[in-house]
């Protein structure tokens, strides 16, 4: 992924996120599916990504979510941080979560 070099991608974990209105979640055996009829987006989540998505309530920092992932799953910090960064980027890009920080850009 060449996008890792961009400042926006690197800054993704500095924000707090919430689910966008109109995003439906359907849990399935191996994770969940997110659906945004407004955006026309269908996005699959594995169980770890579903756990992370559930933490995006507008109050938890990404650092706190990483700590939760480390407590619940067998992961090392570098991998958890990289995975969370990628997931945040993908979910923001697809209009499924939004940053709640006043200075954040959440397109």
C-alpha atoms as a PDB file:
ATOM      1  CA  UNK A   1       0.000   0.000   0.000  1.00  0.00           C
ATOM      2  CA  UNK A   2       1.683   3.137  -1.196  1.00  0.00           C
ATOM      3  CA  UNK A   3      -0.694   5.332   0.805  1.00  0.00           C
ATOM      4  CA  UNK A   4       1.268   4.751   4.028  1.00  0.00           C
ATOM      5  CA  UNK A   5       3.622   7.546   3.036  1.00  0.00           C
ATOM      6  CA  UNK A   6       0.868  10.195   3.115  1.00  0.00           C
ATOM      7  CA  UNK A   7       0.482  12.504   6.086  1.00  0.00           C
ATOM      8  CA  UNK A   8      -3.278  11.874   6.304  1.00  0.00           C
ATOM      9  CA  UNK A   9      -2.656   8.140   6.620  1.00  0.00           C
ATOM     10  CA  UNK A  10       0.000   8.628   9.290  1.00  0.00           C
ATOM     11  CA  UNK A  11      -2.232  11.026  11.249  1.00  0.00           C
ATOM     12  CA  UNK A  12      -5.269   8.739  11.201  1.00  0.00           C
ATOM     13  CA  UNK A  13      -4.706   7.437  14.733  1.00  0.00           C
ATOM     14  CA  UNK A  14      -4.549  10.937  16.239  1.00  0.00           C
ATOM     15  CA  UNK A  15      -8.344  11.226  16.060  1.00  0.00           C
ATOM     16  CA  UNK A  16     -11.386   9.764  17.774  1.00  0.00           C
ATOM     17  CA  UNK A  17     -14.018   8.175  15.526  1.00  0.00           C
ATOM     18  CA  UNK A  18     -17.720   7.370  15.516  1.00  0.00           C
ATOM     19  CA  UNK A  19     -19.976   5.376  13.231  1.00  0.00           C
ATOM     20  CA  UNK A  20     -21.596   7.440  10.505  1.00  0.00           C
ATOM     21  CA  UNK A  21     -25.373   7.693  10.580  1.00  0.00           C
ATOM     22  CA  UNK A  22     -27.065   5.308   8.193  1.00  0.00           C
ATOM     23  CA  UNK A  23     -24.465   2.542   8.486  1.00  0.00           C
ATOM     24  CA  UNK A  24     -26.033  -0.839   9.204  1.00  0.00           C
ATOM     25  CA  UNK A  25     -24.118  -3.721  10.786  1.00  0.00           C
ATOM     26  CA  UNK A  26     -25.034  -7.353  10.174  1.00  0.00           C
ATOM     27  CA  UNK A  27     -23.022  -9.852  12.178  1.00  0.00           C
ATOM     28  CA  UNK A  28     -22.197 -13.116  10.435  1.00  0.00           C
ATOM     29  CA  UNK A  29     -20.323 -16.244  11.529  1.00  0.00           C
ATOM     30  CA  UNK A  30     -16.904 -14.899  10.604  1.00  0.00           C
ATOM     31  CA  UNK A  31     -17.300 -11.190  11.480  1.00  0.00           C
ATOM     32  CA  UNK A  32     -19.747  -8.679  10.099  1.00  0.00           C
ATOM     33  CA  UNK A  33     -20.854  -6.750   7.069  1.00  0.00           C
ATOM     34  CA  UNK A  34     -21.243  -2.977   7.093  1.00  0.00           C
ATOM     35  CA  UNK A  35     -23.728  -1.446   4.704  1.00  0.00           C
ATOM     36  CA  UNK A  36     -24.192   2.211   3.863  1.00  0.00           C
ATOM     37  CA  UNK A  37     -27.127   2.718   1.538  1.00  0.00           C
ATOM     38  CA  UNK A  38     -26.319   6.445   1.355  1.00  0.00           C
ATOM     39  CA  UNK A  39     -22.808   5.759   0.072  1.00  0.00           C
ATOM     40  CA  UNK A  40     -23.617   2.511  -1.750  1.00  0.00           C
ATOM     41  CA  UNK A  41     -20.895   0.741   0.231  1.00  0.00           C
ATOM     42  CA  UNK A  42     -20.746  -2.872   1.388  1.00  0.00           C
ATOM     43  CA  UNK A  43     -17.701  -3.659   3.587  1.00  0.00           C
ATOM     44  CA  UNK A  44     -16.762  -6.946   5.266  1.00  0.00           C
ATOM     45  CA  UNK A  45     -15.101  -7.165   8.684  1.00  0.00           C
ATOM     46  CA  UNK A  46     -13.297 -10.111  10.255  1.00  0.00           C
ATOM     47  CA  UNK A  47     -13.889 -10.682  14.000  1.00  0.00           C
ATOM     48  CA  UNK A  48     -10.975  -8.446  15.044  1.00  0.00           C
ATOM     49  CA  UNK A  49     -12.061  -5.632  12.741  1.00  0.00           C
ATOM     50  CA  UNK A  50     -15.633  -5.986  14.063  1.00  0.00           C
ATOM     51  CA  UNK A  51     -14.347  -5.636  17.631  1.00  0.00           C
ATOM     52  CA  UNK A  52     -12.469  -2.488  16.619  1.00  0.00           C
ATOM     53  CA  UNK A  53     -15.460  -1.066  14.724  1.00  0.00           C
ATOM     54  CA  UNK A  54     -17.599  -1.550  17.828  1.00  0.00           C
ATOM     55  CA  UNK A  55     -15.179   0.643  19.795  1.00  0.00           C
ATOM     56  CA  UNK A  56     -15.663   3.632  17.472  1.00  0.00           C
ATOM     57  CA  UNK A  57     -18.250   5.291  19.712  1.00  0.00           C
ATOM     58  CA  UNK A  58     -16.867   8.810  19.575  1.00  0.00           C
ATOM     59  CA  UNK A  59     -15.273   8.609  23.027  1.00  0.00           C
ATOM     60  CA  UNK A  60     -12.340   6.189  22.760  1.00  0.00           C
ATOM     61  CA  UNK A  61      -8.994   7.292  21.380  1.00  0.00           C
ATOM     62  CA  UNK A  62      -7.216   5.063  18.901  1.00  0.00           C
ATOM     63  CA  UNK A  63      -4.506   4.525  21.520  1.00  0.00           C
ATOM     64  CA  UNK A  64      -7.146   3.201  23.934  1.00  0.00           C
ATOM     65  CA  UNK A  65      -8.539   0.929  21.210  1.00  0.00           C
ATOM     66  CA  UNK A  66      -5.063  -0.465  20.512  1.00  0.00           C
ATOM     67  CA  UNK A  67      -4.701  -1.266  24.221  1.00  0.00           C
ATOM     68  CA  UNK A  68      -8.078  -3.045  24.145  1.00  0.00           C
ATOM     69  CA  UNK A  69      -7.024  -5.074  21.096  1.00  0.00           C
ATOM     70  CA  UNK A  70      -3.812  -6.094  22.864  1.00  0.00           C
ATOM     71  CA  UNK A  71      -5.823  -7.172  25.929  1.00  0.00           C
ATOM     72  CA  UNK A  72      -8.364  -9.222  23.956  1.00  0.00           C
ATOM     73  CA  UNK A  73      -6.378 -10.645  21.036  1.00  0.00           C
ATOM     74  CA  UNK A  74      -2.991 -12.285  20.683  1.00  0.00           C
ATOM     75  CA  UNK A  75      -1.294  -9.461  18.778  1.00  0.00           C
ATOM     76  CA  UNK A  76       1.849  -7.414  19.085  1.00  0.00           C
ATOM     77  CA  UNK A  77       1.683  -3.633  19.295  1.00  0.00           C
ATOM     78  CA  UNK A  78       3.251  -2.939  15.895  1.00  0.00           C
ATOM     79  CA  UNK A  79       0.844  -5.265  14.077  1.00  0.00           C
ATOM     80  CA  UNK A  80      -2.178  -3.950  16.009  1.00  0.00           C
ATOM     81  CA  UNK A  81      -1.209  -0.357  15.241  1.00  0.00           C
ATOM     82  CA  UNK A  82      -0.656  -1.062  11.540  1.00  0.00           C
ATOM     83  CA  UNK A  83      -3.943  -2.963  11.263  1.00  0.00           C
ATOM     84  CA  UNK A  84      -5.896  -0.234  13.062  1.00  0.00           C
ATOM     85  CA  UNK A  85      -4.334   2.437  10.850  1.00  0.00           C
ATOM     86  CA  UNK A  86      -5.328   0.546   7.709  1.00  0.00           C
ATOM     87  CA  UNK A  87      -8.855  -0.132   8.997  1.00  0.00           C
ATOM     88  CA  UNK A  88      -9.408   3.510   9.999  1.00  0.00           C
ATOM     89  CA  UNK A  89      -8.194   4.693   6.610  1.00  0.00           C
ATOM     90  CA  UNK A  90     -10.469   2.243   4.757  1.00  0.00           C
ATOM     91  CA  UNK A  91     -13.549   2.981   6.875  1.00  0.00           C
ATOM     92  CA  UNK A  92     -13.105   6.764   6.574  1.00  0.00           C
ATOM     93  CA  UNK A  93     -12.469   6.506   2.831  1.00  0.00           C
ATOM     94  CA  UNK A  94     -15.669   4.463   2.442  1.00  0.00           C
ATOM     95  CA  UNK A  95     -17.739   6.867   4.557  1.00  0.00           C
ATOM     96  CA  UNK A  96     -18.433   4.326   7.318  1.00  0.00           C
ATOM     97  CA  UNK A  97     -16.825   6.186  10.237  1.00  0.00           C
ATOM     98  CA  UNK A  98     -16.090   9.848  10.836  1.00  0.00           C
ATOM     99  CA  UNK A  99     -13.593  11.666  13.012  1.00  0.00           C
ATOM    100  CA  UNK A 100     -15.241  13.573  15.840  1.00  0.00           C
ATOM    101  CA  UNK A 101     -12.307  15.914  16.491  1.00  0.00           C
ATOM    102  CA  UNK A 102     -13.051  19.515  15.573  1.00  0.00           C
ATOM    103  CA  UNK A 103      -9.867  19.822  13.536  1.00  0.00           C
ATOM    104  CA  UNK A 104     -10.174  16.467  11.766  1.00  0.00           C
ATOM    105  CA  UNK A 105     -11.089  16.017   8.154  1.00  0.00           C
ATOM    106  CA  UNK A 106     -13.565  13.136   7.855  1.00  0.00           C
ATOM    107  CA  UNK A 107     -14.646  12.859   4.256  1.00  0.00           C
END
